[in-house]
Amino acid sequence: MFFAPVLELVLYAFLVLLLVRSVFSWIEPYPKNRVHRVAFDLTEPFLRPVRRLVPPFGGFDISFIVVWVVVLLLIGVVRQAG
């Protein structure tokens, strides 16, 4: 099936974007750099709803971890289906 490997690649690319965003958030909290801005713009629509559902834990925003785990689970499902 052609769809599964492409979807898996997209999900891995999304994980890379999440990682880029997290690294940049430590260096530059507000996205000004073009790479940071792209990573922010592509990941924020997925993080924002999770952030509303899962409150900060001990002052830390854990929406990133929740989305990361969900994407890893989706990759596992796609691999099984493919």
Protein backbone atom coordinates (compact mmCIF):
# COMPACT_ATOMS: atom_id res chain seq x y z
CA MET A 1 0.00 0.00 0.00
CA PHE A 2 1.48 3.35 -1.07
CA PHE A 3 -0.39 5.48 1.45
CA ALA A 4 1.15 4.01 4.63
CA PRO A 5 4.82 4.83 3.91
CA VAL A 6 3.93 8.38 2.84
CA LEU A 7 1.85 8.93 5.99
CA GLU A 8 4.67 7.51 8.10
CA LEU A 9 7.12 9.92 6.47
CA VAL A 10 4.78 12.86 7.14
CA LEU A 11 4.44 11.84 10.78
CA TYR A 12 8.23 11.60 11.17
CA ALA A 13 8.59 15.03 9.57
CA PHE A 14 6.09 16.35 12.09
CA LEU A 15 8.19 14.89 14.92
CA VAL A 16 11.20 16.74 13.52
CA LEU A 17 9.18 19.97 13.47
CA LEU A 18 8.17 19.40 17.09
CA LEU A 19 11.81 18.85 18.03
CA VAL A 20 12.92 22.00 16.17
CA ARG A 21 10.20 23.96 17.93
CA SER A 22 11.22 22.68 21.35
CA VAL A 23 14.90 23.50 20.82
CA PHE A 24 14.09 26.98 19.54
CA SER A 25 11.70 27.58 22.45
CA TRP A 26 14.65 27.28 24.84
CA ILE A 27 16.80 29.65 22.79
CA GLU A 28 14.21 32.13 21.56
CA PRO A 29 10.80 31.99 23.28
CA TYR A 30 9.01 34.07 20.63
CA PRO A 31 9.40 32.83 17.05
CA LYS A 32 11.33 35.42 15.05
CA ASN A 33 13.68 33.15 13.11
CA ARG A 34 12.18 31.84 9.84
CA VAL A 35 12.79 28.16 10.74
CA HIS A 36 11.31 28.64 14.19
CA ARG A 37 8.33 30.48 12.71
CA VAL A 38 7.61 27.66 10.23
CA ALA A 39 7.93 25.02 12.96
CA PHE A 40 5.67 27.09 15.22
CA ASP A 41 3.04 27.69 12.54
CA LEU A 42 2.87 24.01 11.55
CA THR A 43 2.79 22.56 15.08
CA GLU A 44 0.69 25.12 16.98
CA PRO A 45 -2.66 23.97 15.48
CA PHE A 46 -2.01 20.54 17.03
CA LEU A 47 -0.59 21.76 20.34
CA ARG A 48 -3.21 24.43 21.09
CA PRO A 49 -6.21 22.07 21.50
CA VAL A 50 -4.15 19.71 23.65
CA ARG A 51 -3.00 22.65 25.76
CA ARG A 52 -6.67 23.52 26.40
CA LEU A 53 -7.47 19.95 27.48
CA VAL A 54 -4.31 19.23 29.51
CA PRO A 55 -3.42 21.93 32.00
CA PRO A 56 0.21 22.73 32.78
CA PHE A 57 1.76 20.21 35.15
CA GLY A 58 3.90 21.84 37.82
CA GLY A 59 4.17 24.97 35.70
CA PHE A 60 5.34 23.04 32.63
CA ASP A 61 3.37 22.85 29.40
CA ILE A 62 3.12 19.12 28.70
CA SER A 63 1.08 19.43 25.49
CA PHE A 64 4.31 18.81 23.56
CA ILE A 65 4.80 15.44 25.28
CA VAL A 66 1.18 14.44 24.75
CA VAL A 67 1.32 15.25 21.03
CA TRP A 68 4.74 13.53 20.70
CA VAL A 69 3.36 10.31 22.24
CA VAL A 70 0.21 10.41 20.09
CA VAL A 71 2.30 10.84 16.92
CA LEU A 72 4.53 7.91 17.95
CA LEU A 73 1.41 5.80 18.52
CA LEU A 74 0.07 6.81 15.10
CA ILE A 75 3.38 5.81 13.50
CA GLY A 76 3.03 2.40 15.14
CA VAL A 77 -0.54 2.02 13.85
CA VAL A 78 0.51 3.08 10.33
CA ARG A 79 3.36 0.55 10.36
CA GLN A 80 1.00 -2.24 11.41
CA ALA A 81 -1.50 -1.27 8.71
CA GLY A 82 1.16 -0.89 6.01
